[in-house]
Amino acid sequence: MIVLTKLNDESVVVNSAQIEAVELIPESKVIMMNGRFYIVRESAEEIIEKTIEYNGKIQVYVKDK
């Protein structure tokens, strides 16, 4: 889950695994797999970085015994 900022400065938490596409209009329109969308202040690059950071946090590493 990543936190994005809507144009009215409200935060929205989005499941990054459900993002289908990001359109630049010039704001970022985050289109979800269910057809809903969010217009947010973050650029496409920022959304990608937040997704990469989140995915890094949820990776499970198995240690050798």
C-alpha atoms as a PDB file:
ATOM      1  CA  MET A   1       0.000   0.000   0.000  1.00  0.00           C
ATOM      2  CA  ILE A   2       1.304   3.457  -0.888  1.00  0.00           C
ATOM      3  CA  VAL A   3       0.133   6.869   0.281  1.00  0.00           C
ATOM      4  CA  LEU A   4      -0.662   9.408  -2.441  1.00  0.00           C
ATOM      5  CA  THR A   5      -1.973  12.989  -2.238  1.00  0.00           C
ATOM      6  CA  LYS A   6      -5.182  14.016  -3.990  1.00  0.00           C
ATOM      7  CA  LEU A   7      -5.448  17.515  -5.474  1.00  0.00           C
ATOM      8  CA  ASN A   8      -7.383  18.732  -2.402  1.00  0.00           C
ATOM      9  CA  ASP A   9      -4.393  17.676  -0.228  1.00  0.00           C
ATOM     10  CA  GLU A  10      -6.225  14.645   1.220  1.00  0.00           C
ATOM     11  CA  SER A  11      -4.200  11.457   1.473  1.00  0.00           C
ATOM     12  CA  VAL A  12      -5.362   8.261  -0.167  1.00  0.00           C
ATOM     13  CA  VAL A  13      -3.843   4.825   0.451  1.00  0.00           C
ATOM     14  CA  VAL A  14      -3.677   2.739  -2.716  1.00  0.00           C
ATOM     15  CA  ASN A  15      -2.866  -0.921  -3.217  1.00  0.00           C
ATOM     16  CA  SER A  16       0.035  -0.532  -5.639  1.00  0.00           C
ATOM     17  CA  ALA A  17      -0.462  -4.102  -6.906  1.00  0.00           C
ATOM     18  CA  GLN A  18      -3.850  -3.014  -8.277  1.00  0.00           C
ATOM     19  CA  ILE A  19      -2.570  -0.058 -10.341  1.00  0.00           C
ATOM     20  CA  GLU A  20      -3.222  -0.711 -14.022  1.00  0.00           C
ATOM     21  CA  ALA A  21      -1.827   2.510 -15.498  1.00  0.00           C
ATOM     22  CA  VAL A  22      -0.796   6.087 -14.731  1.00  0.00           C
ATOM     23  CA  GLU A  23      -1.834   8.793 -17.198  1.00  0.00           C
ATOM     24  CA  LEU A  24      -0.218  12.226 -17.156  1.00  0.00           C
ATOM     25  CA  ILE A  25      -2.901  14.879 -17.787  1.00  0.00           C
ATOM     26  CA  PRO A  26      -0.654  16.909 -16.557  1.00  0.00           C
ATOM     27  CA  GLU A  27      -1.471  15.641 -13.055  1.00  0.00           C
ATOM     28  CA  SER A  28      -1.158  11.906 -12.507  1.00  0.00           C
ATOM     29  CA  LYS A  29      -4.331   9.896 -13.054  1.00  0.00           C
ATOM     30  CA  VAL A  30      -3.859   6.555 -11.314  1.00  0.00           C
ATOM     31  CA  ILE A  31      -6.170   4.013 -12.938  1.00  0.00           C
ATOM     32  CA  MET A  32      -6.935   0.937 -10.857  1.00  0.00           C
ATOM     33  CA  MET A  33      -7.702  -2.548 -12.176  1.00  0.00           C
ATOM     34  CA  ASN A  34     -11.351  -2.189 -11.096  1.00  0.00           C
ATOM     35  CA  GLY A  35     -11.773   0.910 -13.278  1.00  0.00           C
ATOM     36  CA  ARG A  36     -11.696   3.474 -10.462  1.00  0.00           C
ATOM     37  CA  PHE A  37      -9.130   6.216 -10.668  1.00  0.00           C
ATOM     38  CA  TYR A  38      -7.467   8.863  -8.514  1.00  0.00           C
ATOM     39  CA  ILE A  39      -6.046  12.214  -9.608  1.00  0.00           C
ATOM     40  CA  VAL A  40      -2.952  12.799  -7.478  1.00  0.00           C
ATOM     41  CA  ARG A  41      -0.149  15.340  -7.041  1.00  0.00           C
ATOM     42  CA  GLU A  42       2.717  12.840  -7.279  1.00  0.00           C
ATOM     43  CA  SER A  43       4.462  12.393 -10.615  1.00  0.00           C
ATOM     44  CA  ALA A  44       4.603   9.018 -12.350  1.00  0.00           C
ATOM     45  CA  GLU A  45       8.235   8.712 -11.244  1.00  0.00           C
ATOM     46  CA  GLU A  46       7.287   9.333  -7.590  1.00  0.00           C
ATOM     47  CA  ILE A  47       4.521   6.725  -7.784  1.00  0.00           C
ATOM     48  CA  ILE A  48       6.974   4.205  -9.242  1.00  0.00           C
ATOM     49  CA  GLU A  49       9.533   4.981  -6.520  1.00  0.00           C
ATOM     50  CA  LYS A  50       6.914   4.582  -3.764  1.00  0.00           C
ATOM     51  CA  THR A  51       5.862   1.250  -5.275  1.00  0.00           C
ATOM     52  CA  ILE A  52       9.452   0.004  -5.448  1.00  0.00           C
ATOM     53  CA  GLU A  53      10.078   1.128  -1.851  1.00  0.00           C
ATOM     54  CA  TYR A  54       6.912  -0.608  -0.612  1.00  0.00           C
ATOM     55  CA  ASN A  55       7.693  -3.813  -2.517  1.00  0.00           C
ATOM     56  CA  GLY A  56      11.155  -3.830  -0.951  1.00  0.00           C
ATOM     57  CA  LYS A  57       9.629  -3.636   2.514  1.00  0.00           C
ATOM     58  CA  ILE A  58       7.314  -6.593   2.006  1.00  0.00           C
ATOM     59  CA  GLN A  59       9.863  -8.992   0.537  1.00  0.00           C
ATOM     60  CA  VAL A  60      10.471 -11.998   2.740  1.00  0.00           C
ATOM     61  CA  TYR A  61      14.044 -13.193   2.999  1.00  0.00           C
ATOM     62  CA  VAL A  62      14.764 -16.696   4.230  1.00  0.00           C
ATOM     63  CA  LYS A  63      17.972 -17.032   6.236  1.00  0.00           C
ATOM     64  CA  ASP A  64      20.120 -20.146   6.104  1.00  0.00           C
ATOM     65  CA  LYS A  65      19.909 -22.260   9.249  1.00  0.00           C
END
